[in-house]
Protein backbone atom coordinates (compact mmCIF):
# COMPACT_ATOMS: atom_id res chain seq x y z
CA UNK A 1 4.89 -24.74 -1.49
CA UNK A 2 6.59 -25.33 -4.84
CA UNK A 3 6.85 -23.87 -8.44
CA UNK A 4 4.73 -20.63 -8.94
CA UNK A 5 3.66 -20.56 -5.40
CA UNK A 6 7.07 -19.52 -4.46
CA UNK A 7 6.26 -16.34 -5.84
CA UNK A 8 3.42 -13.72 -5.05
CA UNK A 9 2.06 -11.37 -7.66
CA UNK A 10 1.47 -8.00 -5.87
CA UNK A 11 0.34 -4.55 -7.13
CA UNK A 12 0.72 -1.44 -5.14
CA UNK A 13 -2.17 0.94 -4.84
CA UNK A 14 -1.34 4.45 -4.33
CA UNK A 15 -3.50 6.92 -2.57
CA UNK A 16 -4.53 8.55 -5.81
CA UNK A 17 -5.85 5.17 -6.92
CA UNK A 18 -3.18 4.39 -9.55
CA UNK A 19 -1.01 1.25 -9.22
CA UNK A 20 2.52 0.23 -9.35
CA UNK A 21 2.70 -3.21 -10.66
CA UNK A 22 1.69 -5.80 -10.62
CA UNK A 23 4.99 -7.63 -10.34
CA UNK A 24 6.04 -11.05 -8.91
CA UNK A 25 8.06 -11.29 -5.92
CA UNK A 26 9.47 -14.33 -3.98
CA UNK A 27 7.68 -15.27 -0.76
CA UNK A 28 11.06 -14.77 1.14
CA UNK A 29 11.08 -11.14 0.12
CA UNK A 30 10.95 -8.55 3.19
CA UNK A 31 8.60 -5.79 3.67
CA UNK A 32 11.60 -3.56 3.73
CA UNK A 33 12.72 -4.71 0.18
CA UNK A 34 9.19 -4.21 -1.06
CA UNK A 35 9.37 -0.74 0.06
CA UNK A 36 12.75 -0.19 -1.54
CA UNK A 37 11.03 -1.47 -4.84
CA UNK A 38 8.23 1.05 -4.47
CA UNK A 39 10.85 3.95 -3.99
CA UNK A 40 12.61 2.82 -7.17
CA UNK A 41 9.42 2.47 -9.20
CA UNK A 42 7.67 5.68 -7.96
CA UNK A 43 6.08 7.42 -10.79
CA UNK A 44 8.51 10.56 -11.40
CA UNK A 45 5.47 12.66 -12.42
CA UNK A 46 3.82 12.20 -9.06
CA UNK A 47 4.97 14.86 -6.76
CA UNK A 48 5.68 14.43 -2.92
CA UNK A 49 6.96 10.76 -3.31
CA UNK A 50 8.46 9.07 -0.28
CA UNK A 51 12.24 9.65 0.16
CA UNK A 52 13.19 6.65 2.30
CA UNK A 53 11.60 3.49 3.38
CA UNK A 54 10.74 5.01 6.67
CA UNK A 55 8.14 7.42 4.83
CA UNK A 56 6.24 4.45 3.46
CA UNK A 57 3.67 2.19 5.29
CA UNK A 58 2.37 -0.91 3.56
CA UNK A 59 -1.01 -2.23 4.24
CA UNK A 60 -2.34 -5.60 3.45
CA UNK A 61 -5.58 -7.35 4.58
CA UNK A 62 -6.12 -4.46 6.95
CA UNK A 63 -2.68 -4.72 8.74
CA UNK A 64 0.42 -2.44 8.64
CA UNK A 65 3.30 -4.47 7.72
CA UNK A 66 6.57 -4.64 9.62
CA UNK A 67 9.85 -3.98 7.68
CA UNK A 68 11.38 -7.05 9.27
CA UNK A 69 8.71 -9.40 8.06
CA UNK A 70 8.62 -11.57 4.90
CA UNK A 71 5.76 -12.01 2.44
CA UNK A 72 5.32 -15.51 3.72
CA UNK A 73 4.96 -14.06 7.09
CA UNK A 74 2.33 -11.59 6.06
CA UNK A 75 0.24 -13.62 3.82
CA UNK A 76 -3.24 -13.89 4.76
CA UNK A 77 -5.11 -16.99 3.97
CA UNK A 78 -8.26 -15.11 3.71
CA UNK A 79 -7.05 -12.77 1.02
CA UNK A 80 -4.57 -15.19 -0.86
CA UNK A 81 -5.72 -16.68 -4.00
CA UNK A 82 -3.31 -18.92 -5.81
CA UNK A 83 -2.28 -17.50 -9.29
CA UNK A 84 -4.23 -14.12 -8.22
CA UNK A 85 -2.63 -10.57 -7.63
CA UNK A 86 -2.46 -9.29 -4.23
CA UNK A 87 -3.03 -5.60 -3.61
CA UNK A 88 -1.18 -3.73 -0.92
CA UNK A 89 -2.07 -0.16 -0.07
CA UNK A 90 0.83 2.36 -0.09
CA UNK A 91 0.43 5.23 2.50
CA UNK A 92 3.22 7.88 2.27
CA UNK A 93 3.68 9.73 5.42
CA UNK A 94 4.24 13.50 4.97
CA UNK A 95 7.71 14.82 6.04
CA UNK A 96 7.70 16.10 9.56
CA UNK A 97 7.09 19.70 9.93
CA UNK A 98 8.47 21.52 12.75
CA UNK A 99 7.50 25.11 13.65
CA UNK A 100 9.60 26.84 10.97
CA UNK A 101 9.44 30.13 9.30
CA UNK A 102 6.62 28.98 7.21
CA UNK A 103 4.41 28.54 10.35
CA UNK A 104 3.24 26.11 12.81
CA UNK A 105 2.94 22.38 12.30
CA UNK A 106 -0.26 21.26 10.56
CA UNK A 107 -1.99 17.92 10.69
CA UNK A 108 -2.32 16.18 7.29
CA UNK A 109 -5.08 13.85 6.77
CA UNK A 110 -4.98 13.21 2.83
CA UNK A 111 -3.88 9.76 2.94
CA UNK A 112 -6.15 8.60 5.45
CA UNK A 113 -9.18 9.99 3.89
CA UNK A 114 -9.10 7.36 0.91
CA UNK A 115 -10.10 4.62 3.25
CA UNK A 116 -13.47 6.23 4.20
CA UNK A 117 -16.39 4.58 2.27
CA UNK A 118 -19.98 4.99 3.00
CA UNK A 119 -22.48 2.45 1.65
CA UNK A 120 -25.55 3.87 -0.09
CA UNK A 121 -27.27 0.53 -1.07
CA UNK A 122 -26.65 -2.91 -2.04
CA UNK A 123 -28.29 -4.35 -5.37
CA UNK A 124 -27.91 -8.02 -6.62
CA UNK A 125 -24.60 -8.51 -4.64
CA UNK A 126 -22.97 -5.33 -6.06
CA UNK A 127 -22.01 -2.69 -4.01
CA UNK A 128 -22.97 0.59 -4.85
CA UNK A 129 -21.50 3.69 -2.93
CA UNK A 130 -19.90 6.79 -2.61
CA UNK A 131 -16.15 7.37 -2.01
CA UNK A 132 -15.43 10.30 0.35
């Protein structure tokens, strides 16, 4: 690799559909460093943001990225377009809820529901559907 290919342009898609970025990162950047960048750039007006990198999961090309891997390690040849922007999905794990005075622990599925999609029909190579 040389020149601009030593960098990847990445945007982070949040669970409400908004984005952080895009921003350029060296291919030697670790996933943990990306998560730290997300923490620093998290929109202040959004409630329930992540507090630590342990609260954040990054998904790219359908895979959860491991903290010790680099962008070079994680880059998928199928999804990579030179000069294009790579979208990584951000899933924030809710804080653990032990049985406190507020009641028993509850299961939270909000983050998972954004990935459900039902196809209604396909017209002229354009996907038409509903997001659930």
